[in-house]
């Protein structure tokens, strides 16, 4: 399984995401079960990109607004990369579960914010999924002083951009990733996206 080098999870340094993006050359047996395979998901397909959002959380009832926002983040990020067809799954879970996914499939024994898996990418079509931690989003948002749903949308945007081919290994790639994230979040109506970008220091209140 070809893996990218994980980035630091610290928001205070440029290498801010602990996301690990795999490319599309995985064996079927190595894949994390997609939301459609692991249980009933919430399908917000509309257009040619099928988007399935699933929640693996206790005592959490997602609002219709949150579901619509997650779907919009995936679609907007994909469109930013010129992707107009395919299927992307989103699994929202907690630190315990994402740590287990990280350990089992990527051999990294720690919790993280987002993990993305690209199964296929050709032309304007992709197939992949991403896993995000609501626990990390709430904790980080509280530290930074902005809405946890915005932090979660940032993770979903970041993972989708990876699935759609955007990397962030070099300084130049990381700069393009931050610009793309901010552009997508602003299109989603999050006006202060650049202020809370992962490469920024903790904002002045």
N, C-alpha and C. Protein backbone atom coordinates (compact mmCIF):
# COMPACT_ATOMS: atom_id res chain seq x y z
N UNK A 1 0.85 -1.19 0.00
CA UNK A 1 0.00 0.00 0.00
C UNK A 1 0.88 1.25 0.00
N UNK A 2 1.00 1.94 -1.09
CA UNK A 2 1.82 3.16 -1.13
C UNK A 2 1.21 4.24 -0.25
N UNK A 3 2.03 4.82 0.61
CA UNK A 3 1.53 5.82 1.54
C UNK A 3 2.35 7.08 1.45
N UNK A 4 1.69 8.21 1.67
CA UNK A 4 2.40 9.47 1.79
C UNK A 4 2.90 9.62 3.22
N UNK A 5 3.95 10.38 3.42
CA UNK A 5 4.46 10.63 4.76
C UNK A 5 3.46 11.46 5.54
N UNK A 6 3.07 10.99 6.74
CA UNK A 6 2.09 11.74 7.52
C UNK A 6 2.65 13.09 7.95
N UNK A 7 1.75 14.07 8.01
CA UNK A 7 2.15 15.40 8.44
C UNK A 7 1.86 15.57 9.92
N UNK A 8 2.52 16.53 10.52
CA UNK A 8 2.30 16.82 11.92
C UNK A 8 0.88 17.32 12.14
N UNK A 9 0.29 16.94 13.27
CA UNK A 9 -1.07 17.37 13.56
C UNK A 9 -1.12 18.73 14.24
N UNK A 10 0.02 19.35 14.49
CA UNK A 10 0.03 20.62 15.21
C UNK A 10 -0.48 21.76 14.34
N UNK A 11 -1.46 22.51 14.84
CA UNK A 11 -1.99 23.63 14.09
C UNK A 11 -1.00 24.79 14.08
N UNK A 12 0.00 24.80 14.93
CA UNK A 12 0.89 25.94 15.04
C UNK A 12 2.04 25.91 14.04
N UNK A 13 2.17 24.84 13.26
CA UNK A 13 3.24 24.77 12.28
C UNK A 13 2.65 24.54 10.89
N UNK A 14 3.41 24.81 9.83
CA UNK A 14 2.88 24.67 8.47
C UNK A 14 2.37 23.27 8.16
N UNK A 15 3.03 22.22 8.68
CA UNK A 15 2.59 20.86 8.41
C UNK A 15 1.49 20.52 9.41
N UNK A 16 0.28 20.99 9.10
CA UNK A 16 -0.75 21.02 10.12
C UNK A 16 -1.65 19.81 10.15
N UNK A 17 -1.85 19.14 9.04
CA UNK A 17 -2.77 18.03 9.02
C UNK A 17 -2.01 16.73 9.21
N UNK A 18 -2.61 15.80 9.91
CA UNK A 18 -2.04 14.47 10.06
C UNK A 18 -2.71 13.52 9.08
N UNK A 19 -3.19 14.06 7.98
CA UNK A 19 -3.85 13.26 6.96
C UNK A 19 -2.84 12.40 6.21
N UNK A 20 -3.24 11.19 5.91
CA UNK A 20 -2.44 10.33 5.07
C UNK A 20 -3.30 9.95 3.88
N UNK A 21 -2.87 10.33 2.70
CA UNK A 21 -3.64 10.05 1.49
C UNK A 21 -3.02 8.88 0.76
N UNK A 22 -3.79 7.83 0.51
CA UNK A 22 -3.28 6.71 -0.24
C UNK A 22 -3.65 6.88 -1.70
N UNK A 23 -2.87 6.29 -2.58
CA UNK A 23 -3.25 6.36 -3.98
C UNK A 23 -4.18 5.20 -4.31
N UNK A 24 -4.49 5.03 -5.59
CA UNK A 24 -5.59 4.14 -5.95
C UNK A 24 -5.17 2.70 -6.17
N UNK A 25 -3.93 2.32 -5.82
CA UNK A 25 -3.48 0.97 -6.13
C UNK A 25 -3.52 0.09 -4.88
N UNK A 26 -4.69 -0.01 -4.26
CA UNK A 26 -4.86 -0.85 -3.10
C UNK A 26 -5.57 -2.13 -3.50
N UNK A 27 -5.22 -3.24 -2.82
CA UNK A 27 -5.99 -4.46 -2.99
C UNK A 27 -7.35 -4.29 -2.35
N UNK A 28 -8.34 -4.96 -2.90
CA UNK A 28 -9.69 -4.85 -2.37
C UNK A 28 -9.75 -5.21 -0.90
N UNK A 29 -8.94 -6.22 -0.50
CA UNK A 29 -8.99 -6.68 0.88
C UNK A 29 -8.42 -5.67 1.85
N UNK A 30 -7.63 -4.70 1.36
CA UNK A 30 -7.00 -3.71 2.22
C UNK A 30 -7.88 -2.51 2.46
N UNK A 31 -8.98 -2.40 1.75
CA UNK A 31 -9.79 -1.20 1.86
C UNK A 31 -10.56 -1.17 3.17
N UNK A 32 -10.64 0.03 3.72
CA UNK A 32 -11.59 0.22 4.82
C UNK A 32 -12.99 0.15 4.25
N UNK A 33 -13.91 -0.61 4.88
CA UNK A 33 -15.26 -0.74 4.31
C UNK A 33 -15.89 0.62 4.08
N UNK A 34 -16.43 0.82 2.91
CA UNK A 34 -17.06 2.09 2.58
C UNK A 34 -18.38 2.22 3.31
N UNK A 35 -18.88 3.45 3.47
CA UNK A 35 -20.13 3.63 4.20
C UNK A 35 -21.26 2.78 3.67
N UNK A 36 -21.35 2.57 2.36
CA UNK A 36 -22.43 1.77 1.80
C UNK A 36 -22.28 0.30 2.15
N UNK A 37 -21.04 -0.13 2.49
CA UNK A 37 -20.81 -1.52 2.83
C UNK A 37 -20.94 -1.78 4.33
N UNK A 38 -20.76 -0.74 5.13
CA UNK A 38 -20.66 -0.93 6.56
C UNK A 38 -21.95 -0.62 7.30
N UNK A 39 -22.95 -0.17 6.59
CA UNK A 39 -24.21 0.13 7.27
C UNK A 39 -24.98 1.16 6.50
N UNK A 40 -26.18 1.48 6.98
CA UNK A 40 -27.00 2.45 6.26
C UNK A 40 -26.38 3.82 6.29
N UNK A 41 -26.18 4.42 5.14
CA UNK A 41 -25.62 5.75 5.05
C UNK A 41 -26.68 6.75 4.66
N UNK A 42 -26.28 7.97 4.49
CA UNK A 42 -27.18 9.05 4.10
C UNK A 42 -26.72 9.53 2.74
N UNK A 43 -27.46 9.27 1.72
CA UNK A 43 -27.05 9.55 0.36
C UNK A 43 -27.52 10.93 -0.04
N UNK A 44 -26.57 11.81 -0.34
CA UNK A 44 -26.91 13.16 -0.78
C UNK A 44 -26.47 13.35 -2.22
N UNK A 45 -26.49 12.28 -3.00
CA UNK A 45 -26.14 12.41 -4.39
C UNK A 45 -27.08 13.37 -5.08
N UNK A 46 -26.66 14.08 -5.99
CA UNK A 46 -27.47 15.03 -6.74
C UNK A 46 -26.51 15.58 -7.75
N UNK A 47 -26.62 15.18 -8.97
CA UNK A 47 -25.55 15.43 -9.91
C UNK A 47 -24.84 14.12 -10.13
N UNK A 48 -23.69 14.19 -10.76
CA UNK A 48 -23.01 12.96 -11.15
C UNK A 48 -22.04 12.44 -10.11
N UNK A 49 -21.73 13.20 -9.09
CA UNK A 49 -20.89 12.69 -8.01
C UNK A 49 -21.81 12.14 -6.92
N UNK A 50 -21.71 10.85 -6.70
CA UNK A 50 -22.50 10.24 -5.62
C UNK A 50 -21.75 10.45 -4.31
N UNK A 51 -22.43 11.02 -3.33
CA UNK A 51 -21.81 11.31 -2.05
C UNK A 51 -22.61 10.61 -0.96
N UNK A 52 -21.94 9.76 -0.21
CA UNK A 52 -22.59 9.03 0.88
C UNK A 52 -21.93 9.43 2.19
N UNK A 53 -22.73 9.92 3.13
CA UNK A 53 -22.23 10.34 4.43
C UNK A 53 -22.74 9.37 5.49
N UNK A 54 -21.84 8.86 6.31
CA UNK A 54 -22.22 7.92 7.36
C UNK A 54 -21.63 8.40 8.67
N UNK A 55 -22.32 8.12 9.78
CA UNK A 55 -21.86 8.51 11.10
C UNK A 55 -21.69 7.27 11.97
N UNK A 56 -20.52 7.15 12.59
CA UNK A 56 -20.24 6.08 13.54
C UNK A 56 -19.91 6.73 14.88
N UNK A 57 -20.96 7.20 15.54
CA UNK A 57 -20.83 7.96 16.78
C UNK A 57 -21.97 7.61 17.72
N UNK A 58 -21.67 7.54 19.01
CA UNK A 58 -22.70 7.35 20.01
C UNK A 58 -23.27 8.70 20.43
N UNK A 59 -24.57 8.73 20.68
CA UNK A 59 -25.22 9.92 21.23
C UNK A 59 -24.98 11.17 20.39
N UNK A 60 -25.03 11.02 19.08
CA UNK A 60 -24.89 12.17 18.20
C UNK A 60 -25.92 12.06 17.09
N UNK A 61 -26.77 13.05 17.01
CA UNK A 61 -27.83 13.07 16.00
C UNK A 61 -27.54 14.21 15.02
N UNK A 62 -26.98 13.92 13.86
CA UNK A 62 -26.62 14.99 12.93
C UNK A 62 -27.85 15.72 12.41
N UNK A 63 -27.74 17.03 12.35
CA UNK A 63 -28.84 17.83 11.83
C UNK A 63 -28.86 17.80 10.31
N UNK A 64 -30.02 18.03 9.70
CA UNK A 64 -30.07 18.11 8.24
C UNK A 64 -29.12 19.17 7.69
N UNK A 65 -28.94 20.25 8.44
CA UNK A 65 -28.04 21.31 7.98
C UNK A 65 -26.60 20.82 7.94
N UNK A 66 -26.19 20.07 8.96
CA UNK A 66 -24.83 19.54 8.96
C UNK A 66 -24.63 18.56 7.81
N UNK A 67 -25.59 17.69 7.59
CA UNK A 67 -25.49 16.73 6.50
C UNK A 67 -25.35 17.43 5.16
N UNK A 68 -26.18 18.45 4.97
CA UNK A 68 -26.13 19.20 3.71
C UNK A 68 -24.79 19.91 3.56
N UNK A 69 -24.24 20.43 4.66
CA UNK A 69 -22.95 21.13 4.61
C UNK A 69 -21.82 20.18 4.26
N UNK A 70 -21.83 18.98 4.82
CA UNK A 70 -20.80 17.99 4.49
C UNK A 70 -20.86 17.61 3.02
N UNK A 71 -22.07 17.41 2.53
CA UNK A 71 -22.25 17.09 1.11
C UNK A 71 -21.75 18.22 0.22
N UNK A 72 -22.08 19.44 0.61
CA UNK A 72 -21.66 20.60 -0.18
C UNK A 72 -20.14 20.75 -0.16
N UNK A 73 -19.51 20.46 0.97
CA UNK A 73 -18.06 20.56 1.05
C UNK A 73 -17.39 19.59 0.09
N UNK A 74 -17.88 18.35 0.06
CA UNK A 74 -17.32 17.36 -0.86
C UNK A 74 -17.50 17.81 -2.30
N UNK A 75 -18.72 18.20 -2.64
CA UNK A 75 -19.01 18.55 -4.02
C UNK A 75 -18.22 19.79 -4.46
N UNK A 76 -18.15 20.80 -3.59
CA UNK A 76 -17.45 22.04 -3.94
C UNK A 76 -15.95 21.80 -4.08
N UNK A 77 -15.37 21.00 -3.17
CA UNK A 77 -13.95 20.69 -3.26
C UNK A 77 -13.64 19.90 -4.53
N UNK A 78 -14.52 18.95 -4.86
CA UNK A 78 -14.32 18.16 -6.08
C UNK A 78 -14.40 19.05 -7.31
N UNK A 79 -15.38 19.93 -7.34
CA UNK A 79 -15.52 20.85 -8.47
C UNK A 79 -14.32 21.76 -8.59
N UNK A 80 -13.74 22.15 -7.45
CA UNK A 80 -12.54 22.99 -7.46
C UNK A 80 -11.41 22.31 -8.20
N UNK A 81 -11.39 20.97 -8.17
CA UNK A 81 -10.36 20.20 -8.84
C UNK A 81 -10.79 19.70 -10.21
N UNK A 82 -11.96 20.15 -10.68
CA UNK A 82 -12.42 19.75 -12.00
C UNK A 82 -13.04 18.37 -12.05
N UNK A 83 -13.46 17.87 -10.88
CA UNK A 83 -14.07 16.54 -10.80
C UNK A 83 -15.59 16.69 -10.87
N UNK A 84 -16.21 15.93 -11.75
CA UNK A 84 -17.66 16.05 -11.91
C UNK A 84 -18.39 14.71 -11.89
N UNK A 85 -17.67 13.62 -11.66
CA UNK A 85 -18.31 12.31 -11.66
C UNK A 85 -17.59 11.39 -10.69
N UNK A 86 -18.27 10.33 -10.28
CA UNK A 86 -17.68 9.34 -9.40
C UNK A 86 -18.45 9.17 -8.12
N UNK A 87 -17.76 8.69 -7.10
CA UNK A 87 -18.38 8.40 -5.82
C UNK A 87 -17.40 8.68 -4.69
N UNK A 88 -17.83 9.44 -3.71
CA UNK A 88 -17.00 9.75 -2.54
C UNK A 88 -17.82 9.47 -1.28
N UNK A 89 -17.24 8.70 -0.39
CA UNK A 89 -17.88 8.41 0.89
C UNK A 89 -17.22 9.18 2.01
N UNK A 90 -18.02 9.57 2.99
CA UNK A 90 -17.51 10.29 4.16
C UNK A 90 -17.97 9.54 5.40
N UNK A 91 -17.03 9.18 6.26
CA UNK A 91 -17.35 8.57 7.55
C UNK A 91 -16.94 9.54 8.65
N UNK A 92 -17.91 9.97 9.45
CA UNK A 92 -17.65 10.86 10.58
C UNK A 92 -17.64 9.99 11.84
N UNK A 93 -16.53 10.01 12.57
CA UNK A 93 -16.40 9.14 13.72
C UNK A 93 -15.67 9.86 14.85
N UNK A 94 -15.14 9.09 15.81
CA UNK A 94 -14.45 9.69 16.96
C UNK A 94 -12.97 9.34 16.93
N UNK A 95 -12.22 9.83 17.92
CA UNK A 95 -10.77 9.61 17.94
C UNK A 95 -10.43 8.13 18.10
N UNK A 96 -11.22 7.40 18.88
CA UNK A 96 -10.92 5.98 19.10
C UNK A 96 -11.01 5.21 17.79
N UNK A 97 -12.06 5.45 17.04
CA UNK A 97 -12.26 4.72 15.80
C UNK A 97 -11.26 5.13 14.72
N UNK A 98 -11.01 6.43 14.59
CA UNK A 98 -10.07 6.85 13.55
C UNK A 98 -8.65 6.39 13.89
N UNK A 99 -8.34 6.29 15.16
CA UNK A 99 -7.03 5.74 15.54
C UNK A 99 -6.93 4.28 15.11
N UNK A 100 -8.00 3.52 15.30
CA UNK A 100 -7.99 2.11 14.91
C UNK A 100 -7.86 1.96 13.39
N UNK A 101 -8.56 2.81 12.64
CA UNK A 101 -8.44 2.79 11.18
C UNK A 101 -7.01 3.14 10.77
N UNK A 102 -6.45 4.15 11.42
CA UNK A 102 -5.09 4.59 11.13
C UNK A 102 -4.09 3.48 11.42
N UNK A 103 -4.28 2.80 12.54
CA UNK A 103 -3.37 1.72 12.93
C UNK A 103 -3.52 0.51 12.02
N UNK A 104 -4.75 0.12 11.75
CA UNK A 104 -5.00 -1.11 11.00
C UNK A 104 -4.58 -1.00 9.53
N UNK A 105 -4.87 0.14 8.93
CA UNK A 105 -4.66 0.26 7.49
C UNK A 105 -3.41 1.04 7.10
N UNK A 106 -2.92 1.89 7.98
CA UNK A 106 -1.77 2.72 7.65
C UNK A 106 -0.60 2.52 8.60
N UNK A 107 -0.80 1.67 9.62
CA UNK A 107 0.25 1.35 10.58
C UNK A 107 0.74 2.58 11.34
N UNK A 108 -0.19 3.49 11.64
CA UNK A 108 0.11 4.67 12.45
C UNK A 108 -0.78 4.61 13.68
N UNK A 109 -0.19 4.40 14.83
CA UNK A 109 -0.97 4.15 16.04
C UNK A 109 -1.25 5.45 16.79
N UNK A 110 -2.05 6.32 16.17
CA UNK A 110 -2.47 7.55 16.83
C UNK A 110 -3.75 8.05 16.16
N UNK A 111 -4.50 8.82 16.92
CA UNK A 111 -5.69 9.47 16.36
C UNK A 111 -5.25 10.62 15.47
N UNK A 112 -6.10 10.99 14.53
CA UNK A 112 -5.79 12.08 13.62
C UNK A 112 -7.08 12.77 13.23
N UNK A 113 -6.97 13.81 12.42
CA UNK A 113 -8.16 14.58 12.05
C UNK A 113 -8.87 14.01 10.84
N UNK A 114 -8.09 13.63 9.79
CA UNK A 114 -8.69 13.14 8.56
C UNK A 114 -7.76 12.14 7.87
N UNK A 115 -8.35 11.10 7.35
CA UNK A 115 -7.63 10.12 6.54
C UNK A 115 -8.40 9.99 5.23
N UNK A 116 -7.68 10.02 4.11
CA UNK A 116 -8.35 9.89 2.82
C UNK A 116 -7.80 8.70 2.05
N UNK A 117 -8.69 8.03 1.33
CA UNK A 117 -8.35 6.87 0.51
C UNK A 117 -8.83 7.13 -0.91
N UNK A 118 -7.92 7.12 -1.85
CA UNK A 118 -8.30 7.25 -3.26
C UNK A 118 -8.26 5.87 -3.89
N UNK A 119 -9.40 5.40 -4.38
CA UNK A 119 -9.47 4.09 -5.00
C UNK A 119 -9.32 4.17 -6.52
N UNK A 120 -9.76 5.27 -7.10
CA UNK A 120 -9.67 5.42 -8.56
C UNK A 120 -9.73 6.91 -8.88
N UNK A 121 -8.90 7.32 -9.82
CA UNK A 121 -8.96 8.70 -10.29
C UNK A 121 -8.50 8.72 -11.74
N UNK A 122 -9.37 9.16 -12.61
CA UNK A 122 -9.04 9.27 -14.02
C UNK A 122 -9.89 10.37 -14.65
N UNK A 123 -9.23 11.34 -15.25
CA UNK A 123 -9.95 12.44 -15.87
C UNK A 123 -10.77 13.19 -14.85
N UNK A 124 -12.07 13.34 -15.12
CA UNK A 124 -12.95 14.08 -14.20
C UNK A 124 -13.73 13.16 -13.28
N UNK A 125 -13.26 11.91 -13.13
CA UNK A 125 -13.97 10.93 -12.31
C UNK A 125 -13.06 10.42 -11.20
N UNK A 126 -13.60 10.33 -9.98
CA UNK A 126 -12.86 9.77 -8.85
C UNK A 126 -13.75 8.81 -8.08
N UNK A 127 -13.09 7.93 -7.37
CA UNK A 127 -13.77 7.08 -6.39
C UNK A 127 -12.87 7.01 -5.17
N UNK A 128 -13.43 7.33 -4.01
CA UNK A 128 -12.64 7.29 -2.79
C UNK A 128 -13.50 7.55 -1.58
N UNK A 129 -12.85 7.59 -0.44
CA UNK A 129 -13.57 7.92 0.78
C UNK A 129 -12.62 8.59 1.76
N UNK A 130 -13.22 9.24 2.72
CA UNK A 130 -12.43 9.89 3.75
C UNK A 130 -13.10 9.67 5.10
N UNK A 131 -12.27 9.66 6.12
CA UNK A 131 -12.71 9.47 7.50
C UNK A 131 -12.28 10.69 8.29
N UNK A 132 -13.20 11.29 9.05
CA UNK A 132 -12.89 12.48 9.84
C UNK A 132 -13.30 12.26 11.28
N UNK A 133 -12.58 12.89 12.19
CA UNK A 133 -12.87 12.75 13.62
C UNK A 133 -13.61 13.97 14.14
N UNK A 134 -14.83 13.75 14.60
CA UNK A 134 -15.60 14.82 15.23
C UNK A 134 -14.97 15.21 16.57
N UNK A 135 -14.39 14.25 17.26
CA UNK A 135 -13.72 14.53 18.54
C UNK A 135 -12.60 15.56 18.34
N UNK A 136 -11.75 15.33 17.35
CA UNK A 136 -10.65 16.24 17.07
C UNK A 136 -11.17 17.59 16.61
N UNK A 137 -12.21 17.59 15.79
CA UNK A 137 -12.77 18.86 15.31
C UNK A 137 -13.27 19.71 16.46
N UNK A 138 -13.98 19.09 17.41
CA UNK A 138 -14.50 19.85 18.55
C UNK A 138 -13.38 20.38 19.42
N UNK A 139 -12.38 19.54 19.67
CA UNK A 139 -11.27 19.96 20.54
C UNK A 139 -10.45 21.08 19.90
N UNK A 140 -10.12 20.93 18.63
CA UNK A 140 -9.30 21.94 17.95
C UNK A 140 -10.07 23.24 17.79
N UNK A 141 -11.35 23.15 17.46
CA UNK A 141 -12.16 24.37 17.31
C UNK A 141 -12.24 25.14 18.62
N UNK A 142 -12.37 24.41 19.73
CA UNK A 142 -12.41 25.08 21.02
C UNK A 142 -11.10 25.79 21.32
N UNK A 143 -9.99 25.18 20.93
CA UNK A 143 -8.68 25.80 21.15
C UNK A 143 -8.51 27.06 20.30
N UNK A 144 -9.06 27.02 19.09
CA UNK A 144 -8.88 28.14 18.16
C UNK A 144 -9.95 29.21 18.30
N UNK A 145 -11.09 28.85 18.84
CA UNK A 145 -12.15 29.82 19.03
C UNK A 145 -13.06 30.00 17.84
N UNK A 146 -13.27 28.93 17.07
CA UNK A 146 -14.27 29.03 16.02
C UNK A 146 -15.18 27.82 16.05
N UNK A 147 -16.17 27.78 15.17
CA UNK A 147 -17.21 26.76 15.23
C UNK A 147 -16.66 25.38 14.87
N UNK A 148 -17.04 24.36 15.65
CA UNK A 148 -16.53 23.02 15.38
C UNK A 148 -17.03 22.48 14.03
N UNK A 149 -18.20 22.92 13.60
CA UNK A 149 -18.69 22.45 12.30
C UNK A 149 -17.83 22.99 11.16
N UNK A 150 -17.27 24.19 11.34
CA UNK A 150 -16.36 24.73 10.34
C UNK A 150 -15.06 23.93 10.31
N UNK A 151 -14.59 23.55 11.48
CA UNK A 151 -13.38 22.72 11.56
C UNK A 151 -13.62 21.38 10.88
N UNK A 152 -14.78 20.79 11.11
CA UNK A 152 -15.11 19.52 10.48
C UNK A 152 -15.19 19.67 8.96
N UNK A 153 -15.78 20.75 8.50
CA UNK A 153 -15.85 21.00 7.06
C UNK A 153 -14.46 21.19 6.46
N UNK A 154 -13.55 21.78 7.23
CA UNK A 154 -12.17 21.91 6.79
C UNK A 154 -11.55 20.53 6.56
N UNK A 155 -11.78 19.60 7.49
CA UNK A 155 -11.24 18.25 7.35
C UNK A 155 -11.81 17.57 6.11
N UNK A 156 -13.13 17.70 5.91
CA UNK A 156 -13.78 17.07 4.77
C UNK A 156 -13.25 17.68 3.46
N UNK A 157 -13.09 18.98 3.46
CA UNK A 157 -12.54 19.66 2.28
C UNK A 157 -11.13 19.18 1.99
N UNK A 158 -10.30 19.12 3.03
CA UNK A 158 -8.92 18.69 2.88
C UNK A 158 -8.85 17.27 2.31
N UNK A 159 -9.62 16.36 2.89
CA UNK A 159 -9.61 14.97 2.43
C UNK A 159 -10.11 14.83 1.01
N UNK A 160 -11.14 15.58 0.66
CA UNK A 160 -11.67 15.52 -0.70
C UNK A 160 -10.64 16.04 -1.71
N UNK A 161 -9.97 17.12 -1.37
CA UNK A 161 -8.94 17.65 -2.26
C UNK A 161 -7.83 16.63 -2.49
N UNK A 162 -7.47 15.89 -1.44
CA UNK A 162 -6.49 14.83 -1.60
C UNK A 162 -7.00 13.75 -2.55
N UNK A 163 -8.23 13.30 -2.34
CA UNK A 163 -8.81 12.28 -3.19
C UNK A 163 -8.81 12.73 -4.65
N UNK A 164 -9.02 14.01 -4.84
CA UNK A 164 -9.10 14.57 -6.19
C UNK A 164 -7.74 14.98 -6.76
N UNK A 165 -6.66 14.62 -6.06
CA UNK A 165 -5.34 14.75 -6.65
C UNK A 165 -4.45 15.85 -6.14
N UNK A 166 -4.91 16.65 -5.18
CA UNK A 166 -4.08 17.74 -4.67
C UNK A 166 -3.22 17.22 -3.52
N UNK A 167 -1.93 17.45 -3.62
CA UNK A 167 -1.00 17.01 -2.59
C UNK A 167 -0.52 18.20 -1.76
N UNK A 168 0.17 17.92 -0.66
CA UNK A 168 0.68 18.99 0.19
C UNK A 168 1.99 18.60 0.86
N UNK A 169 2.86 17.93 0.11
CA UNK A 169 4.13 17.48 0.66
C UNK A 169 5.17 18.60 0.68
N UNK A 170 5.31 19.32 -0.42
CA UNK A 170 6.29 20.40 -0.51
C UNK A 170 5.66 21.72 -0.04
N UNK A 171 6.50 22.72 0.14
CA UNK A 171 6.00 24.03 0.55
C UNK A 171 5.03 24.59 -0.49
N UNK A 172 5.38 24.44 -1.76
CA UNK A 172 4.51 24.95 -2.81
C UNK A 172 3.18 24.23 -2.86
N UNK A 173 3.23 22.90 -2.72
CA UNK A 173 1.99 22.12 -2.70
C UNK A 173 1.14 22.47 -1.49
N UNK A 174 1.80 22.67 -0.36
CA UNK A 174 1.07 23.00 0.86
C UNK A 174 0.40 24.36 0.72
N UNK A 175 1.08 25.31 0.10
CA UNK A 175 0.49 26.63 -0.14
C UNK A 175 -0.75 26.52 -1.03
N UNK A 176 -0.65 25.70 -2.09
CA UNK A 176 -1.80 25.52 -2.98
C UNK A 176 -2.95 24.82 -2.26
N UNK A 177 -2.62 23.88 -1.38
CA UNK A 177 -3.66 23.21 -0.61
C UNK A 177 -4.38 24.19 0.30
N UNK A 178 -3.62 25.03 1.02
CA UNK A 178 -4.24 26.01 1.92
C UNK A 178 -5.13 26.97 1.13
N UNK A 179 -4.65 27.41 -0.05
CA UNK A 179 -5.45 28.32 -0.88
C UNK A 179 -6.74 27.64 -1.34
N UNK A 180 -6.63 26.38 -1.73
CA UNK A 180 -7.81 25.65 -2.20
C UNK A 180 -8.80 25.45 -1.06
N UNK A 181 -8.30 25.08 0.12
CA UNK A 181 -9.18 24.91 1.27
C UNK A 181 -9.95 26.19 1.57
N UNK A 182 -9.23 27.30 1.61
CA UNK A 182 -9.87 28.58 1.92
C UNK A 182 -10.89 28.95 0.85
N UNK A 183 -10.55 28.74 -0.41
CA UNK A 183 -11.47 29.05 -1.49
C UNK A 183 -12.77 28.25 -1.35
N UNK A 184 -12.63 26.96 -1.06
CA UNK A 184 -13.81 26.10 -0.92
C UNK A 184 -14.66 26.54 0.26
N UNK A 185 -14.02 26.77 1.42
CA UNK A 185 -14.77 27.15 2.61
C UNK A 185 -15.46 28.50 2.44
N UNK A 186 -14.81 29.42 1.77
CA UNK A 186 -15.44 30.71 1.51
C UNK A 186 -16.66 30.53 0.62
N UNK A 187 -16.56 29.66 -0.37
CA UNK A 187 -17.71 29.36 -1.22
C UNK A 187 -18.85 28.72 -0.43
N UNK A 188 -18.49 28.06 0.66
CA UNK A 188 -19.50 27.46 1.53
C UNK A 188 -20.08 28.46 2.53
N UNK A 189 -19.61 29.69 2.47
CA UNK A 189 -20.15 30.73 3.34
C UNK A 189 -19.38 30.96 4.62
N UNK A 190 -18.18 30.39 4.73
CA UNK A 190 -17.36 30.56 5.93
C UNK A 190 -16.38 31.70 5.65
N UNK A 191 -16.77 32.89 5.99
CA UNK A 191 -16.03 34.10 5.59
C UNK A 191 -14.66 34.19 6.24
N UNK A 192 -14.49 33.63 7.44
CA UNK A 192 -13.22 33.76 8.15
C UNK A 192 -12.31 32.55 7.92
N UNK A 193 -12.51 31.84 6.83
CA UNK A 193 -11.74 30.62 6.56
C UNK A 193 -10.24 30.88 6.52
N UNK A 194 -9.82 31.97 5.89
CA UNK A 194 -8.39 32.24 5.79
C UNK A 194 -7.79 32.57 7.16
N UNK A 195 -8.56 33.25 7.98
CA UNK A 195 -8.06 33.61 9.31
C UNK A 195 -7.76 32.37 10.14
N UNK A 196 -8.55 31.32 9.95
CA UNK A 196 -8.38 30.10 10.74
C UNK A 196 -7.72 28.99 9.93
N UNK A 197 -7.05 29.34 8.86
CA UNK A 197 -6.34 28.35 8.06
C UNK A 197 -5.32 27.61 8.92
N UNK A 198 -5.09 26.34 8.66
CA UNK A 198 -4.15 25.56 9.49
C UNK A 198 -2.75 26.13 9.56
N UNK A 199 -2.31 26.90 8.58
CA UNK A 199 -0.95 27.45 8.62
C UNK A 199 -0.85 28.73 9.42
N UNK A 200 -1.99 29.23 9.87
CA UNK A 200 -1.97 30.47 10.64
C UNK A 200 -1.71 30.14 12.12
N UNK A 201 -1.13 31.10 12.83
CA UNK A 201 -1.01 30.96 14.27
C UNK A 201 -2.39 31.05 14.89
N UNK A 202 -2.50 30.72 16.17
CA UNK A 202 -3.79 30.85 16.85
C UNK A 202 -4.26 32.29 16.71
N UNK A 203 -5.47 32.50 16.16
CA UNK A 203 -5.92 33.86 15.87
C UNK A 203 -5.98 34.75 17.11
N UNK A 204 -5.73 36.00 16.89
CA UNK A 204 -5.90 37.00 17.96
C UNK A 204 -7.38 37.30 18.13
N UNK A 205 -7.88 37.19 19.34
CA UNK A 205 -9.31 37.41 19.58
C UNK A 205 -9.59 38.91 19.64
